[in-house]
C-alpha atoms as a PDB file:
ATOM      1  CA  MET A   1      26.610  23.571 -46.739  1.00  0.00           C
ATOM      2  CA  SER A   2      29.002  22.974 -44.377  1.00  0.00           C
ATOM      3  CA  HIS A   3      31.627  21.270 -46.812  1.00  0.00           C
ATOM      4  CA  ARG A   4      31.417  24.236 -48.566  1.00  0.00           C
ATOM      5  CA  ARG A   5      32.094  26.326 -45.191  1.00  0.00           C
ATOM      6  CA  LEU A   6      34.832  23.572 -44.578  1.00  0.00           C
ATOM      7  CA  LEU A   7      36.378  24.005 -47.663  1.00  0.00           C
ATOM      8  CA  GLN A   8      36.247  27.953 -47.455  1.00  0.00           C
ATOM      9  CA  GLU A   9      37.893  27.572 -43.670  1.00  0.00           C
ATOM     10  CA  SER A  10      40.726  25.332 -45.381  1.00  0.00           C
ATOM     11  CA  ASN A  11      41.202  27.295 -48.787  1.00  0.00           C
ATOM     12  CA  PRO A  12      39.569  30.688 -48.450  1.00  0.00           C
ATOM     13  CA  SER A  13      37.941  31.985 -51.392  1.00  0.00           C
ATOM     14  CA  GLU A  14      35.799  34.678 -52.971  1.00  0.00           C
ATOM     15  CA  GLU A  15      33.654  32.134 -55.128  1.00  0.00           C
ATOM     16  CA  ASN A  16      33.212  30.041 -52.242  1.00  0.00           C
ATOM     17  CA  GLN A  17      32.312  32.464 -50.003  1.00  0.00           C
ATOM     18  CA  GLN A  18      29.869  34.188 -52.913  1.00  0.00           C
ATOM     19  CA  VAL A  19      28.491  30.341 -53.076  1.00  0.00           C
ATOM     20  CA  ILE A  20      28.052  30.356 -49.243  1.00  0.00           C
ATOM     21  CA  ASP A  21      26.595  33.213 -49.115  1.00  0.00           C
ATOM     22  CA  SER A  22      23.748  32.653 -51.584  1.00  0.00           C
ATOM     23  CA  ILE A  23      22.525  29.139 -50.011  1.00  0.00           C
ATOM     24  CA  GLU A  24      22.315  31.114 -46.623  1.00  0.00           C
ATOM     25  CA  ASN A  25      20.587  34.038 -48.074  1.00  0.00           C
ATOM     26  CA  TRP A  26      18.174  31.452 -49.652  1.00  0.00           C
ATOM     27  CA  ILE A  27      17.827  28.869 -46.384  1.00  0.00           C
ATOM     28  CA  ASN A  28      17.316  31.800 -44.194  1.00  0.00           C
ATOM     29  CA  SER A  29      14.372  32.828 -46.659  1.00  0.00           C
ATOM     30  CA  GLN A  30      12.547  29.733 -46.180  1.00  0.00           C
ATOM     31  CA  ASN A  31      13.066  29.281 -42.618  1.00  0.00           C
ATOM     32  CA  TYR A  32      16.265  30.859 -40.202  1.00  0.00           C
ATOM     33  CA  GLU A  33      19.253  28.575 -40.244  1.00  0.00           C
ATOM     34  CA  PHE A  34      20.651  28.934 -37.117  1.00  0.00           C
ATOM     35  CA  LEU A  35      17.075  28.289 -35.391  1.00  0.00           C
ATOM     36  CA  THR A  36      16.655  25.171 -37.419  1.00  0.00           C
ATOM     37  CA  ILE A  37      18.335  21.884 -35.529  1.00  0.00           C
ATOM     38  CA  VAL A  38      17.826  18.946 -37.728  1.00  0.00           C
ATOM     39  CA  ASN A  39      18.545  15.116 -35.803  1.00  0.00           C
ATOM     40  CA  VAL A  40      16.861  12.404 -37.510  1.00  0.00           C
ATOM     41  CA  GLY A  41      19.338   9.705 -36.070  1.00  0.00           C
ATOM     42  CA  SER A  42      21.123   6.531 -37.691  1.00  0.00           C
ATOM     43  CA  TRP A  43      20.850   2.808 -37.416  1.00  0.00           C
ATOM     44  CA  SER A  44      24.264   2.869 -36.861  1.00  0.00           C
ATOM     45  CA  GLU A  45      24.263   5.966 -34.582  1.00  0.00           C
ATOM     46  CA  LYS A  46      26.708   7.442 -37.318  1.00  0.00           C
ATOM     47  CA  SER A  47      25.099   9.958 -39.440  1.00  0.00           C
ATOM     48  CA  VAL A  48      25.581   9.256 -43.373  1.00  0.00           C
ATOM     49  CA  ARG A  49      28.184  12.024 -43.519  1.00  0.00           C
ATOM     50  CA  GLU A  50      30.461  10.427 -40.696  1.00  0.00           C
ATOM     51  CA  MET A  51      29.864   7.434 -42.420  1.00  0.00           C
ATOM     52  CA  ALA A  52      31.304   9.001 -45.396  1.00  0.00           C
ATOM     53  CA  THR A  53      33.925  10.828 -44.241  1.00  0.00           C
ATOM     54  CA  GLU A  54      35.022   7.405 -42.334  1.00  0.00           C
ATOM     55  CA  THR A  55      34.950   5.995 -45.742  1.00  0.00           C
ATOM     56  CA  ASN A  56      37.125   8.778 -47.359  1.00  0.00           C
ATOM     57  CA  GLU A  57      33.869   9.550 -49.598  1.00  0.00           C
ATOM     58  CA  LEU A  58      33.126  12.724 -48.276  1.00  0.00           C
ATOM     59  CA  GLU A  59      33.262  13.838 -52.037  1.00  0.00           C
ATOM     60  CA  LEU A  60      30.433  11.367 -53.000  1.00  0.00           C
ATOM     61  CA  TYR A  61      28.287  12.354 -49.826  1.00  0.00           C
ATOM     62  CA  ASN A  62      28.420  15.985 -50.422  1.00  0.00           C
ATOM     63  CA  TYR A  63      27.899  16.666 -54.346  1.00  0.00           C
ATOM     64  CA  PHE A  64      25.809  13.496 -54.989  1.00  0.00           C
ATOM     65  CA  TYR A  65      24.220  11.630 -51.880  1.00  0.00           C
ATOM     66  CA  GLN A  66      22.592  14.662 -49.891  1.00  0.00           C
ATOM     67  CA  PRO A  67      20.835  16.614 -53.603  1.00  0.00           C
ATOM     68  CA  PHE A  68      19.768  13.651 -54.688  1.00  0.00           C
ATOM     69  CA  SER A  69      18.423  12.372 -51.375  1.00  0.00           C
ATOM     70  CA  ASN A  70      17.062  16.062 -50.910  1.00  0.00           C
ATOM     71  CA  VAL A  71      14.728  15.157 -54.089  1.00  0.00           C
ATOM     72  CA  ALA A  72      13.854  11.890 -52.970  1.00  0.00           C
ATOM     73  CA  HIS A  73      12.406  12.434 -49.592  1.00  0.00           C
ATOM     74  CA  ASN A  74      10.940  15.519 -51.206  1.00  0.00           C
ATOM     75  CA  SER A  75      13.000  17.921 -48.697  1.00  0.00           C
ATOM     76  CA  TRP A  76      11.862  21.398 -48.609  1.00  0.00           C
ATOM     77  CA  SER A  77      15.346  22.874 -50.183  1.00  0.00           C
ATOM     78  CA  HIS A  78      14.208  20.948 -53.343  1.00  0.00           C
ATOM     79  CA  VAL A  79      10.493  21.747 -53.221  1.00  0.00           C
ATOM     80  CA  ALA A  80      10.789  25.075 -52.712  1.00  0.00           C
ATOM     81  CA  LYS A  81      13.353  25.596 -55.145  1.00  0.00           C
ATOM     82  CA  TYR A  82      11.148  23.365 -58.213  1.00  0.00           C
ATOM     83  CA  ASN A  83       7.667  23.766 -56.638  1.00  0.00           C
ATOM     84  CA  LEU A  84       6.488  26.502 -55.420  1.00  0.00           C
ATOM     85  CA  ALA A  85       6.653  30.300 -56.186  1.00  0.00           C
ATOM     86  CA  GLY A  86       5.724  33.548 -54.639  1.00  0.00           C
ATOM     87  CA  SER A  87       1.959  34.543 -54.323  1.00  0.00           C
ATOM     88  CA  ASP A  88       1.623  37.706 -56.570  1.00  0.00           C
ATOM     89  CA  ASN A  89      -1.039  39.043 -54.097  1.00  0.00           C
ATOM     90  CA  PRO A  90       0.734  41.821 -51.353  1.00  0.00           C
ATOM     91  CA  LEU A  91      -1.970  40.805 -48.885  1.00  0.00           C
ATOM     92  CA  HIS A  92      -0.450  37.199 -48.818  1.00  0.00           C
ATOM     93  CA  LYS A  93       2.716  38.424 -47.441  1.00  0.00           C
ATOM     94  CA  PHE A  94       4.409  37.244 -50.920  1.00  0.00           C
ATOM     95  CA  ALA A  95       3.774  33.560 -49.476  1.00  0.00           C
ATOM     96  CA  LYS A  96       5.109  30.344 -51.242  1.00  0.00           C
ATOM     97  CA  VAL A  97       2.021  29.268 -53.758  1.00  0.00           C
ATOM     98  CA  PRO A  98       2.665  25.499 -55.291  1.00  0.00           C
ATOM     99  CA  ALA A  99       4.031  25.844 -58.466  1.00  0.00           C
ATOM    100  CA  ILE A 100       4.181  23.192 -61.641  1.00  0.00           C
ATOM    101  CA  TYR A 101       6.856  24.533 -64.168  1.00  0.00           C
ATOM    102  CA  LYS A 102       7.279  22.705 -67.368  1.00  0.00           C
ATOM    103  CA  TYR A 103      10.933  21.498 -67.620  1.00  0.00           C
ATOM    104  CA  TYR A 104      12.857  20.123 -70.954  1.00  0.00           C
ATOM    105  CA  PHE A 105      15.575  17.182 -70.554  1.00  0.00           C
ATOM    106  CA  ASP A 106      18.457  18.414 -68.597  1.00  0.00           C
ATOM    107  CA  PHE A 107      21.930  16.489 -69.377  1.00  0.00           C
ATOM    108  CA  TYR A 108      23.475  17.762 -65.802  1.00  0.00           C
ATOM    109  CA  TYR A 109      21.557  15.755 -63.855  1.00  0.00           C
ATOM    110  CA  MET A 110      21.552  11.871 -65.819  1.00  0.00           C
ATOM    111  CA  ASP A 111      25.208  12.945 -66.178  1.00  0.00           C
ATOM    112  CA  LEU A 112      26.138  14.123 -62.656  1.00  0.00           C
ATOM    113  CA  ALA A 113      24.104  10.373 -61.486  1.00  0.00           C
ATOM    114  CA  MET A 114      26.268   8.222 -64.287  1.00  0.00           C
ATOM    115  CA  LYS A 115      29.289  10.008 -62.979  1.00  0.00           C
ATOM    116  CA  TYR A 116      28.843   8.641 -58.933  1.00  0.00           C
ATOM    117  CA  VAL A 117      26.942   5.648 -59.960  1.00  0.00           C
ATOM    118  CA  ASP A 118      29.964   4.777 -61.855  1.00  0.00           C
ATOM    119  CA  LYS A 119      32.401   5.724 -58.983  1.00  0.00           C
ATOM    120  CA  MET A 120      30.192   3.771 -57.120  1.00  0.00           C
ATOM    121  CA  PHE A 121      31.051   0.859 -59.139  1.00  0.00           C
ATOM    122  CA  GLN A 122      34.447   1.355 -59.659  1.00  0.00           C
ATOM    123  CA  LYS A 123      34.676   1.344 -55.745  1.00  0.00           C
ATOM    124  CA  PHE A 124      33.091  -1.895 -55.874  1.00  0.00           C
ATOM    125  CA  ASP A 125      35.048  -3.361 -58.098  1.00  0.00           C
ATOM    126  CA  ALA A 126      38.595  -1.955 -56.786  1.00  0.00           C
ATOM    127  CA  VAL A 127      37.487  -3.352 -53.221  1.00  0.00           C
ATOM    128  CA  LEU A 128      36.508  -6.952 -54.258  1.00  0.00           C
ATOM    129  CA  LYS A 129      38.981  -7.004 -56.676  1.00  0.00           C
ATOM    130  CA  VAL A 130      36.335  -7.347 -59.872  1.00  0.00           C
ATOM    131  CA  LYS A 131      38.277  -7.088 -63.137  1.00  0.00           C
ATOM    132  CA  ILE A 132      36.177  -5.520 -66.052  1.00  0.00           C
ATOM    133  CA  ASP A 133      37.435  -5.358 -69.451  1.00  0.00           C
ATOM    134  CA  GLY A 134      34.441  -3.823 -71.184  1.00  0.00           C
ATOM    135  CA  MET A 135      33.487  -0.166 -71.684  1.00  0.00           C
ATOM    136  CA  ARG A 136      31.670   1.333 -68.162  1.00  0.00           C
ATOM    137  CA  ALA A 137      28.160   2.468 -68.650  1.00  0.00           C
ATOM    138  CA  ARG A 138      28.748   5.972 -68.369  1.00  0.00           C
ATOM    139  CA  GLU A 139      31.042   5.619 -71.542  1.00  0.00           C
ATOM    140  CA  ILE A 140      28.577   3.086 -73.104  1.00  0.00           C
ATOM    141  CA  PHE A 141      25.771   6.150 -72.817  1.00  0.00           C
ATOM    142  CA  TYR A 142      27.960   8.635 -73.886  1.00  0.00           C
ATOM    143  CA  GLU A 143      28.916   6.350 -77.133  1.00  0.00           C
ATOM    144  CA  GLN A 144      25.376   6.231 -77.830  1.00  0.00           C
ATOM    145  CA  ILE A 145      24.587  10.056 -77.506  1.00  0.00           C
ATOM    146  CA  SER A 146      27.154  10.743 -79.765  1.00  0.00           C
ATOM    147  CA  LYS A 147      25.760   8.670 -82.803  1.00  0.00           C
ATOM    148  CA  ILE A 148      22.150  10.957 -82.639  1.00  0.00           C
ATOM    149  CA  ASP A 149      21.392  12.783 -85.735  1.00  0.00           C
ATOM    150  CA  ILE A 150      20.050  16.020 -84.013  1.00  0.00           C
ATOM    151  CA  ASP A 151      18.998  17.342 -87.317  1.00  0.00           C
END
């Protein structure tokens, strides 16, 4: 969320402020953000965010690394959204209870993953001066998807 706060400072918008407020409200409904200090350390003595900033890849960190890291490590921000529901019992003070929802396939996350994997491959190719004359994986995927007969 810090990337949204920085964006709001440099380029204020009502829409971004609403997103910030919504995220803060959700976090505070789980645990008070101002009471939570997270320091997990790093092998490089730099956070992944700092390394992303140094390499001009902060967008990659903010919109890909962080959300997918939450999923991979079962972070509370993922578990609480996708695997918990509020108890209907008022005696439980509406505590969170485990929930397994039936989800349907969503191309959004596949597209998001493919978008940033493609960006990483492009960066790799540029740094190592690798020339690829063929189609990129994301282009091939969408070409194949367009051939599927839905009817």
